[in-house]
PDB file of all heavy atoms in Angstrom:
ATOM      1  N   GLY A   1      29.417  69.902  21.223  1.00  0.00           N
ATOM      2  CA  GLY A   1      28.767  71.066  21.793  1.00  0.00           C
ATOM      3  C   GLY A   1      27.254  71.045  21.725  1.00  0.00           C
ATOM      4  O   GLY A   1      26.612  72.072  21.935  1.00  0.00           O
ATOM      5  N   GLY A   2      26.661  69.927  21.397  1.00  0.00           N
ATOM      6  CA  GLY A   2      25.204  69.804  21.393  1.00  0.00           C
ATOM      7  C   GLY A   2      24.565  69.851  20.024  1.00  0.00           C
ATOM      8  O   GLY A   2      23.386  69.532  19.889  1.00  0.00           O
ATOM      9  N   THR A   3      25.321  70.245  18.999  1.00  0.00           N
ATOM     10  CA  THR A   3      24.813  70.192  17.620  1.00  0.00           C
ATOM     11  C   THR A   3      25.954  69.770  16.702  1.00  0.00           C
ATOM     12  O   THR A   3      27.106  70.152  16.905  1.00  0.00           O
ATOM     13  CB  THR A   3      24.264  71.555  17.122  1.00  0.00           C
ATOM     14  OG1 THR A   3      25.304  72.527  17.178  1.00  0.00           O
ATOM     15  CG2 THR A   3      23.073  72.015  17.935  1.00  0.00           C
ATOM     16  N   VAL A   4      25.601  68.984  15.696  1.00  0.00           N
ATOM     17  CA  VAL A   4      26.603  68.512  14.745  1.00  0.00           C
ATOM     18  C   VAL A   4      25.869  68.058  13.476  1.00  0.00           C
ATOM     19  O   VAL A   4      24.721  67.612  13.536  1.00  0.00           O
ATOM     20  CB  VAL A   4      27.464  67.367  15.345  1.00  0.00           C
ATOM     21  CG1 VAL A   4      26.626  66.147  15.657  1.00  0.00           C
ATOM     22  CG2 VAL A   4      28.620  67.008  14.436  1.00  0.00           C
ATOM     23  N   HIS A   5      26.516  68.194  12.331  1.00  0.00           N
ATOM     24  CA  HIS A   5      25.918  67.708  11.092  1.00  0.00           C
ATOM     25  C   HIS A   5      25.853  66.184  11.150  1.00  0.00           C
ATOM     26  O   HIS A   5      26.776  65.527  11.625  1.00  0.00           O
ATOM     27  CB  HIS A   5      26.727  68.171   9.879  1.00  0.00           C
ATOM     28  CG  HIS A   5      25.959  68.044   8.607  1.00  0.00           C
ATOM     29  ND1 HIS A   5      25.882  66.868   7.920  1.00  0.00           N
ATOM     30  CD2 HIS A   5      25.193  68.937   7.936  1.00  0.00           C
ATOM     31  CE1 HIS A   5      25.116  67.033   6.855  1.00  0.00           C
ATOM     32  NE2 HIS A   5      24.683  68.289   6.846  1.00  0.00           N
ATOM     33  N   GLN A   6      24.755  65.630  10.662  1.00  0.00           N
ATOM     34  CA  GLN A   6      24.572  64.179  10.773  1.00  0.00           C
ATOM     35  C   GLN A   6      25.651  63.404  10.037  1.00  0.00           C
ATOM     36  O   GLN A   6      26.019  62.310  10.480  1.00  0.00           O
ATOM     37  CB  GLN A   6      23.182  63.759  10.302  1.00  0.00           C
ATOM     38  CG  GLN A   6      22.940  63.838   8.829  1.00  0.00           C
ATOM     39  CD  GLN A   6      21.533  63.408   8.467  1.00  0.00           C
ATOM     40  OE1 GLN A   6      20.635  63.422   9.294  1.00  0.00           O
ATOM     41  NE2 GLN A   6      21.339  63.034   7.235  1.00  0.00           N
ATOM     42  N   ASP A   7      26.198  63.933   8.963  1.00  0.00           N
ATOM     43  CA  ASP A   7      27.273  63.220   8.261  1.00  0.00           C
ATOM     44  C   ASP A   7      28.487  63.033   9.167  1.00  0.00           C
ATOM     45  O   ASP A   7      29.101  61.956   9.188  1.00  0.00           O
ATOM     46  CB  ASP A   7      27.685  63.968   6.992  1.00  0.00           C
ATOM     47  CG  ASP A   7      26.623  63.963   5.915  1.00  0.00           C
ATOM     48  OD1 ASP A   7      25.675  63.147   6.011  1.00  0.00           O
ATOM     49  OD2 ASP A   7      26.729  64.780   4.984  1.00  0.00           O
ATOM     50  N   VAL A   8      28.821  64.075   9.908  1.00  0.00           N
ATOM     51  CA  VAL A   8      29.957  64.007  10.831  1.00  0.00           C
ATOM     52  C   VAL A   8      29.651  63.029  11.955  1.00  0.00           C
ATOM     53  O   VAL A   8      30.467  62.167  12.294  1.00  0.00           O
ATOM     54  CB  VAL A   8      30.279  65.413  11.392  1.00  0.00           C
ATOM     55  CG1 VAL A   8      31.340  65.340  12.474  1.00  0.00           C
ATOM     56  CG2 VAL A   8      30.706  66.347  10.272  1.00  0.00           C
ATOM     57  N   ALA A   9      28.466  63.159  12.545  1.00  0.00           N
ATOM     58  CA  ALA A   9      28.085  62.294  13.666  1.00  0.00           C
ATOM     59  C   ALA A   9      28.035  60.832  13.242  1.00  0.00           C
ATOM     60  O   ALA A   9      28.540  59.954  13.956  1.00  0.00           O
ATOM     61  CB  ALA A   9      26.737  62.727  14.230  1.00  0.00           C
ATOM     62  N   LEU A  10      27.451  60.558  12.085  1.00  0.00           N
ATOM     63  CA  LEU A  10      27.331  59.168  11.637  1.00  0.00           C
ATOM     64  C   LEU A  10      28.685  58.578  11.255  1.00  0.00           C
ATOM     65  O   LEU A  10      28.926  57.388  11.465  1.00  0.00           O
ATOM     66  CB  LEU A  10      26.331  59.057  10.490  1.00  0.00           C
ATOM     67  CG  LEU A  10      24.871  59.300  10.896  1.00  0.00           C
ATOM     68  CD1 LEU A  10      23.974  59.286   9.671  1.00  0.00           C
ATOM     69  CD2 LEU A  10      24.409  58.277  11.915  1.00  0.00           C
ATOM     70  N   ARG A  11      29.585  59.399  10.714  1.00  0.00           N
ATOM     71  CA  ARG A  11      30.928  58.910  10.407  1.00  0.00           C
ATOM     72  C   ARG A  11      31.647  58.527  11.704  1.00  0.00           C
ATOM     73  O   ARG A  11      32.224  57.445  11.818  1.00  0.00           O
ATOM     74  CB  ARG A  11      31.738  59.949   9.633  1.00  0.00           C
ATOM     75  CG  ARG A  11      33.123  59.442   9.250  1.00  0.00           C
ATOM     76  CD  ARG A  11      33.953  60.454   8.474  1.00  0.00           C
ATOM     77  NE  ARG A  11      34.243  61.617   9.290  1.00  0.00           N
ATOM     78  CZ  ARG A  11      33.773  62.843   9.069  1.00  0.00           C
ATOM     79  NH1 ARG A  11      33.019  63.087   8.027  1.00  0.00           N
ATOM     80  NH2 ARG A  11      34.081  63.847   9.866  1.00  0.00           N
ATOM     81  N   GLU A  12      31.592  59.421  12.710  1.00  0.00           N
ATOM     82  CA  GLU A  12      32.237  59.125  13.988  1.00  0.00           C
ATOM     83  C   GLU A  12      31.571  57.932  14.676  1.00  0.00           C
ATOM     84  O   GLU A  12      32.255  57.094  15.274  1.00  0.00           O
ATOM     85  CB  GLU A  12      32.201  60.351  14.898  1.00  0.00           C
ATOM     86  CG  GLU A  12      33.111  61.465  14.423  1.00  0.00           C
ATOM     87  CD  GLU A  12      33.107  62.668  15.350  1.00  0.00           C
ATOM     88  OE1 GLU A  12      32.773  62.505  16.554  1.00  0.00           O
ATOM     89  OE2 GLU A  12      33.448  63.760  14.880  1.00  0.00           O
ATOM     90  N   PHE A  13      30.253  57.857  14.581  1.00  0.00           N
ATOM     91  CA  PHE A  13      29.522  56.732  15.166  1.00  0.00           C
ATOM     92  C   PHE A  13      29.990  55.425  14.524  1.00  0.00           C
ATOM     93  O   PHE A  13      30.239  54.440  15.207  1.00  0.00           O
ATOM     94  CB  PHE A  13      28.018  56.933  14.970  1.00  0.00           C
ATOM     95  CG  PHE A  13      27.183  55.800  15.480  1.00  0.00           C
ATOM     96  CD1 PHE A  13      26.930  55.656  16.834  1.00  0.00           C
ATOM     97  CD2 PHE A  13      26.638  54.870  14.603  1.00  0.00           C
ATOM     98  CE1 PHE A  13      26.160  54.596  17.311  1.00  0.00           C
ATOM     99  CE2 PHE A  13      25.874  53.820  15.069  1.00  0.00           C
ATOM    100  CZ  PHE A  13      25.627  53.683  16.427  1.00  0.00           C
ATOM    101  N   GLY A  14      30.120  55.421  13.213  1.00  0.00           N
ATOM    102  CA  GLY A  14      30.592  54.229  12.511  1.00  0.00           C
ATOM    103  C   GLY A  14      32.000  53.847  12.910  1.00  0.00           C
ATOM    104  O   GLY A  14      32.308  52.663  13.093  1.00  0.00           O
ATOM    105  N   GLU A  15      32.872  54.854  13.071  1.00  0.00           N
ATOM    106  CA  GLU A  15      34.250  54.573  13.474  1.00  0.00           C
ATOM    107  C   GLU A  15      34.301  53.985  14.880  1.00  0.00           C
ATOM    108  O   GLU A  15      35.131  53.121  15.164  1.00  0.00           O
ATOM    109  CB  GLU A  15      35.083  55.856  13.404  1.00  0.00           C
ATOM    110  CG  GLU A  15      35.315  56.335  11.973  1.00  0.00           C
ATOM    111  CD  GLU A  15      35.884  57.736  11.898  1.00  0.00           C
ATOM    112  OE1 GLU A  15      36.020  58.419  12.943  1.00  0.00           O
ATOM    113  OE2 GLU A  15      36.168  58.181  10.769  1.00  0.00           O
ATOM    114  N   GLU A  16      33.410  54.446  15.767  1.00  0.00           N
ATOM    115  CA  GLU A  16      33.408  53.956  17.152  1.00  0.00           C
ATOM    116  C   GLU A  16      32.743  52.594  17.301  1.00  0.00           C
ATOM    117  O   GLU A  16      33.150  51.791  18.135  1.00  0.00           O
ATOM    118  CB  GLU A  16      32.698  54.953  18.067  1.00  0.00           C
ATOM    119  CG  GLU A  16      33.482  56.211  18.326  1.00  0.00           C
ATOM    120  CD  GLU A  16      32.786  57.153  19.289  1.00  0.00           C
ATOM    121  OE1 GLU A  16      31.848  56.720  20.003  1.00  0.00           O
ATOM    122  OE2 GLU A  16      33.189  58.324  19.332  1.00  0.00           O
ATOM    123  N   THR A  17      31.698  52.354  16.517  1.00  0.00           N
ATOM    124  CA  THR A  17      30.894  51.143  16.722  1.00  0.00           C
ATOM    125  C   THR A  17      31.035  50.106  15.617  1.00  0.00           C
ATOM    126  O   THR A  17      30.641  48.956  15.801  1.00  0.00           O
ATOM    127  CB  THR A  17      29.404  51.502  16.831  1.00  0.00           C
ATOM    128  OG1 THR A  17      28.968  52.048  15.585  1.00  0.00           O
ATOM    129  CG2 THR A  17      29.141  52.487  17.962  1.00  0.00           C
ATOM    130  N   GLY A  18      31.535  50.519  14.467  1.00  0.00           N
ATOM    131  CA  GLY A  18      31.601  49.618  13.322  1.00  0.00           C
ATOM    132  C   GLY A  18      30.293  49.536  12.553  1.00  0.00           C
ATOM    133  O   GLY A  18      30.165  48.732  11.638  1.00  0.00           O
ATOM    134  N   LEU A  19      29.315  50.355  12.935  1.00  0.00           N
ATOM    135  CA  LEU A  19      28.006  50.359  12.266  1.00  0.00           C
ATOM    136  C   LEU A  19      27.924  51.565  11.330  1.00  0.00           C
ATOM    137  O   LEU A  19      27.945  52.705  11.778  1.00  0.00           O
ATOM    138  CB  LEU A  19      26.868  50.423  13.292  1.00  0.00           C
ATOM    139  CG  LEU A  19      26.797  49.254  14.273  1.00  0.00           C
ATOM    140  CD1 LEU A  19      25.722  49.512  15.313  1.00  0.00           C
ATOM    141  CD2 LEU A  19      26.521  47.958  13.532  1.00  0.00           C
ATOM    142  N   PHE A  20      27.845  51.282  10.039  1.00  0.00           N
ATOM    143  CA  PHE A  20      27.789  52.336   9.041  1.00  0.00           C
ATOM    144  C   PHE A  20      26.484  52.218   8.249  1.00  0.00           C
ATOM    145  O   PHE A  20      25.765  51.226   8.349  1.00  0.00           O
ATOM    146  CB  PHE A  20      28.978  52.219   8.073  1.00  0.00           C
ATOM    147  CG  PHE A  20      30.308  52.493   8.708  1.00  0.00           C
ATOM    148  CD1 PHE A  20      31.066  51.465   9.243  1.00  0.00           C
ATOM    149  CD2 PHE A  20      30.797  53.786   8.764  1.00  0.00           C
ATOM    150  CE1 PHE A  20      32.298  51.718   9.825  1.00  0.00           C
ATOM    151  CE2 PHE A  20      32.036  54.052   9.348  1.00  0.00           C
ATOM    152  CZ  PHE A  20      32.779  53.009   9.876  1.00  0.00           C
ATOM    153  N   GLY A  21      26.217  53.210   7.436  1.00  0.00           N
ATOM    154  CA  GLY A  21      25.078  53.169   6.514  1.00  0.00           C
ATOM    155  C   GLY A  21      23.741  53.048   7.201  1.00  0.00           C
ATOM    156  O   GLY A  21      23.457  53.777   8.153  1.00  0.00           O
ATOM    157  N   PRO A  22      22.916  52.108   6.753  1.00  0.00           N
ATOM    158  CA  PRO A  22      21.557  51.979   7.289  1.00  0.00           C
ATOM    159  C   PRO A  22      21.514  51.739   8.794  1.00  0.00           C
ATOM    160  O   PRO A  22      20.592  52.201   9.467  1.00  0.00           O
ATOM    161  CB  PRO A  22      20.977  50.775   6.543  1.00  0.00           C
ATOM    162  CG  PRO A  22      21.795  50.639   5.318  1.00  0.00           C
ATOM    163  CD  PRO A  22      23.162  51.159   5.664  1.00  0.00           C
ATOM    164  N   ASP A  23      22.519  51.048   9.336  1.00  0.00           N
ATOM    165  CA  ASP A  23      22.535  50.802  10.778  1.00  0.00           C
ATOM    166  C   ASP A  23      22.678  52.103  11.560  1.00  0.00           C
ATOM    167  O   ASP A  23      22.014  52.312  12.567  1.00  0.00           O
ATOM    168  CB  ASP A  23      23.658  49.836  11.156  1.00  0.00           C
ATOM    169  CG  ASP A  23      23.440  48.445  10.600  1.00  0.00           C
ATOM    170  OD1 ASP A  23      22.269  48.035  10.465  1.00  0.00           O
ATOM    171  OD2 ASP A  23      24.437  47.779  10.290  1.00  0.00           O
ATOM    172  N   GLY A  24      23.543  52.986  11.087  1.00  0.00           N
ATOM    173  CA  GLY A  24      23.711  54.283  11.738  1.00  0.00           C
ATOM    174  C   GLY A  24      22.450  55.119  11.653  1.00  0.00           C
ATOM    175  O   GLY A  24      22.054  55.766  12.631  1.00  0.00           O
ATOM    176  N   PHE A  25      21.804  55.106  10.494  1.00  0.00           N
ATOM    177  CA  PHE A  25      20.546  55.846  10.351  1.00  0.00           C
ATOM    178  C   PHE A  25      19.463  55.272  11.258  1.00  0.00           C
ATOM    179  O   PHE A  25      18.660  56.018  11.816  1.00  0.00           O
ATOM    180  CB  PHE A  25      20.074  55.846   8.897  1.00  0.00           C
ATOM    181  CG  PHE A  25      20.798  56.844   8.049  1.00  0.00           C
ATOM    182  CD1 PHE A  25      21.807  56.436   7.194  1.00  0.00           C
ATOM    183  CD2 PHE A  25      20.480  58.191   8.116  1.00  0.00           C
ATOM    184  CE1 PHE A  25      22.486  57.351   6.413  1.00  0.00           C
ATOM    185  CE2 PHE A  25      21.155  59.121   7.343  1.00  0.00           C
ATOM    186  CZ  PHE A  25      22.166  58.704   6.487  1.00  0.00           C
ATOM    187  N   TYR A  26      19.443  53.956  11.421  1.00  0.00           N
ATOM    188  CA  TYR A  26      18.463  53.331  12.312  1.00  0.00           C
ATOM    189  C   TYR A  26      18.652  53.823  13.746  1.00  0.00           C
ATOM    190  O   TYR A  26      17.689  54.173  14.434  1.00  0.00           O
ATOM    191  CB  TYR A  26      18.572  51.807  12.248  1.00  0.00           C
ATOM    192  CG  TYR A  26      17.633  51.111  13.195  1.00  0.00           C
ATOM    193  CD1 TYR A  26      16.287  50.980  12.898  1.00  0.00           C
ATOM    194  CD2 TYR A  26      18.088  50.611  14.414  1.00  0.00           C
ATOM    195  CE1 TYR A  26      15.410  50.354  13.775  1.00  0.00           C
ATOM    196  CE2 TYR A  26      17.220  49.991  15.296  1.00  0.00           C
ATOM    197  CZ  TYR A  26      15.889  49.867  14.971  1.00  0.00           C
ATOM    198  OH  TYR A  26      15.036  49.256  15.852  1.00  0.00           O
ATOM    199  N   VAL A  27      19.892  53.869  14.195  1.00  0.00           N
ATOM    200  CA  VAL A  27      20.177  54.340  15.559  1.00  0.00           C
ATOM    201  C   VAL A  27      19.834  55.822  15.672  1.00  0.00           C
ATOM    202  O   VAL A  27      19.237  56.253  16.665  1.00  0.00           O
ATOM    203  CB  VAL A  27      21.644  54.066  15.943  1.00  0.00           C
ATOM    204  CG1 VAL A  27      21.994  54.709  17.287  1.00  0.00           C
ATOM    205  CG2 VAL A  27      21.909  52.567  15.975  1.00  0.00           C
ATOM    206  N   MET A  28      20.170  56.618  14.657  1.00  0.00           N
ATOM    207  CA  MET A  28      19.853  58.048  14.679  1.00  0.00           C
ATOM    208  C   MET A  28      18.341  58.255  14.772  1.00  0.00           C
ATOM    209  O   MET A  28      17.861  59.058  15.583  1.00  0.00           O
ATOM    210  CB  MET A  28      20.402  58.732  13.431  1.00  0.00           C
ATOM    211  CG  MET A  28      20.125  60.231  13.380  1.00  0.00           C
ATOM    212  SD  MET A  28      20.764  61.003  11.876  1.00  0.00           S
ATOM    213  CE  MET A  28      19.642  60.322  10.655  1.00  0.00           C
ATOM    214  N   ASN A  29      17.589  57.535  13.968  1.00  0.00           N
ATOM    215  CA  ASN A  29      16.130  57.667  14.000  1.00  0.00           C
ATOM    216  C   ASN A  29      15.549  57.155  15.322  1.00  0.00           C
ATOM    217  O   ASN A  29      14.585  57.713  15.838  1.00  0.00           O
ATOM    218  CB  ASN A  29      15.492  56.948  12.817  1.00  0.00           C
ATOM    219  CG  ASN A  29      15.775  57.654  11.512  1.00  0.00           C
ATOM    220  OD1 ASN A  29      15.988  58.853  11.471  1.00  0.00           O
ATOM    221  ND2 ASN A  29      15.797  56.887  10.431  1.00  0.00           N
ATOM    222  N   SER A  30      16.154  56.111  15.879  1.00  0.00           N
ATOM    223  CA  SER A  30      15.709  55.608  17.177  1.00  0.00           C
ATOM    224  C   SER A  30      15.984  56.634  18.276  1.00  0.00           C
ATOM    225  O   SER A  30      15.168  56.804  19.185  1.00  0.00           O
ATOM    226  CB  SER A  30      16.403  54.290  17.506  1.00  0.00           C
ATOM    227  OG  SER A  30      16.031  53.295  16.574  1.00  0.00           O
ATOM    228  N   ALA A  31      17.120  57.309  18.197  1.00  0.00           N
ATOM    229  CA  ALA A  31      17.440  58.356  19.180  1.00  0.00           C
ATOM    230  C   ALA A  31      16.438  59.501  19.087  1.00  0.00           C
ATOM    231  O   ALA A  31      16.021  60.054  20.106  1.00  0.00           O
ATOM    232  CB  ALA A  31      18.861  58.867  18.965  1.00  0.00           C
ATOM    233  N   ALA A  32      16.030  59.838  17.867  1.00  0.00           N
ATOM    234  CA  ALA A  32      15.021  60.891  17.697  1.00  0.00           C
ATOM    235  C   ALA A  32      13.666  60.420  18.216  1.00  0.00           C
ATOM    236  O   ALA A  32      12.951  61.170  18.882  1.00  0.00           O
ATOM    237  CB  ALA A  32      14.935  61.296  16.229  1.00  0.00           C
ATOM    238  N   ALA A  33      13.320  59.171  17.965  1.00  0.00           N
ATOM    239  CA  ALA A  33      12.043  58.634  18.438  1.00  0.00           C
ATOM    240  C   ALA A  33      12.010  58.561  19.963  1.00  0.00           C
ATOM    241  O   ALA A  33      10.945  58.682  20.571  1.00  0.00           O
ATOM    242  CB  ALA A  33      11.790  57.251  17.842  1.00  0.00           C
ATOM    243  N   ASP A  34      13.177  58.395  20.573  1.00  0.00           N
ATOM    244  CA  ASP A  34      13.283  58.322  22.026  1.00  0.00           C
ATOM    245  C   ASP A  34      13.460  59.712  22.647  1.00  0.00           C
ATOM    246  O   ASP A  34      13.705  59.834  23.837  1.00  0.00           O
ATOM    247  CB  ASP A  34      14.463  57.420  22.405  1.00  0.00           C
ATOM    248  CG  ASP A  34      14.408  56.911  23.820  1.00  0.00           C
ATOM    249  OD1 ASP A  34      13.295  56.691  24.340  1.00  0.00           O
ATOM    250  OD2 ASP A  34      15.488  56.743  24.425  1.00  0.00           O
ATOM    251  N   TYR A  35      13.371  60.749  21.840  1.00  0.00           N
ATOM    252  CA  TYR A  35      13.501  62.153  22.270  1.00  0.00           C
ATOM    253  C   TYR A  35      14.859  62.463  22.871  1.00  0.00           C
ATOM    254  O   TYR A  35      14.988  63.336  23.716  1.00  0.00           O
ATOM    255  CB  TYR A  35      12.377  62.544  23.252  1.00  0.00           C
ATOM    256  CG  TYR A  35      11.012  62.342  22.678  1.00  0.00           C
ATOM    257  CD1 TYR A  35      10.205  61.299  23.119  1.00  0.00           C
ATOM    258  CD2 TYR A  35      10.539  63.174  21.671  1.00  0.00           C
ATOM    259  CE1 TYR A  35       8.947  61.087  22.570  1.00  0.00           C
ATOM    260  CE2 TYR A  35       9.286  62.975  21.120  1.00  0.00           C
ATOM    261  CZ  TYR A  35       8.495  61.934  21.572  1.00  0.00           C
ATOM    262  OH  TYR A  35       7.264  61.737  21.022  1.00  0.00           O
ATOM    263  N   ARG A  36      15.890  61.759  22.423  1.00  0.00           N
ATOM    264  CA  ARG A  36      17.250  62.044  22.891  1.00  0.00           C
ATOM    265  C   ARG A  36      17.929  63.061  21.990  1.00  0.00           C
ATOM    266  O   ARG A  36      18.771  63.839  22.449  1.00  0.00           O
ATOM    267  CB  ARG A  36      18.079  60.755  22.917  1.00  0.00           C
ATOM    268  CG  ARG A  36      17.551  59.648  23.809  1.00  0.00           C
ATOM    269  CD  ARG A  36      17.790  59.889  25.279  1.00  0.00           C
ATOM    270  NE  ARG A  36      19.185  60.136  25.615  1.00  0.00           N
ATOM    271  CZ  ARG A  36      20.098  59.186  25.811  1.00  0.00           C
ATOM    272  NH1 ARG A  36      19.768  57.912  25.721  1.00  0.00           N
ATOM    273  NH2 ARG A  36      21.326  59.504  26.116  1.00  0.00           N
ATOM    274  N   LEU A  37      17.566  63.027  20.685  1.00  0.00           N
ATOM    275  CA  LEU A  37      18.120  63.953  19.703  1.00  0.00           C
ATOM    276  C   LEU A  37      17.003  64.454  18.810  1.00  0.00           C
ATOM    277  O   LEU A  37      15.988  63.792  18.646  1.00  0.00           O
ATOM    278  CB  LEU A  37      19.147  63.253  18.801  1.00  0.00           C
ATOM    279  CG  LEU A  37      20.397  62.678  19.429  1.00  0.00           C
ATOM    280  CD1 LEU A  37      21.178  61.897  18.378  1.00  0.00           C
ATOM    281  CD2 LEU A  37      21.258  63.771  20.012  1.00  0.00           C
ATOM    282  N   THR A  38      17.241  65.618  18.210  1.00  0.00           N
ATOM    283  CA  THR A  38      16.378  66.056  17.120  1.00  0.00           C
ATOM    284  C   THR A  38      17.226  66.021  15.856  1.00  0.00           C
ATOM    285  O   THR A  38      18.435  66.198  15.893  1.00  0.00           O
ATOM    286  CB  THR A  38      15.822  67.478  17.337  1.00  0.00           C
ATOM    287  OG1 THR A  38      16.907  68.395  17.458  1.00  0.00           O
ATOM    288  CG2 THR A  38      14.948  67.539  18.573  1.00  0.00           C
TER     289      THR A  38
END
């Protein structure tokens, strides 16, 4: 729905992509730097 706790999003992201931990945080921070997410 456009907002979600980062723990939930990163867990689902890891399940979908196989990238957990620092890799997920890197993508999250890159998405914020690209103005896709806050």
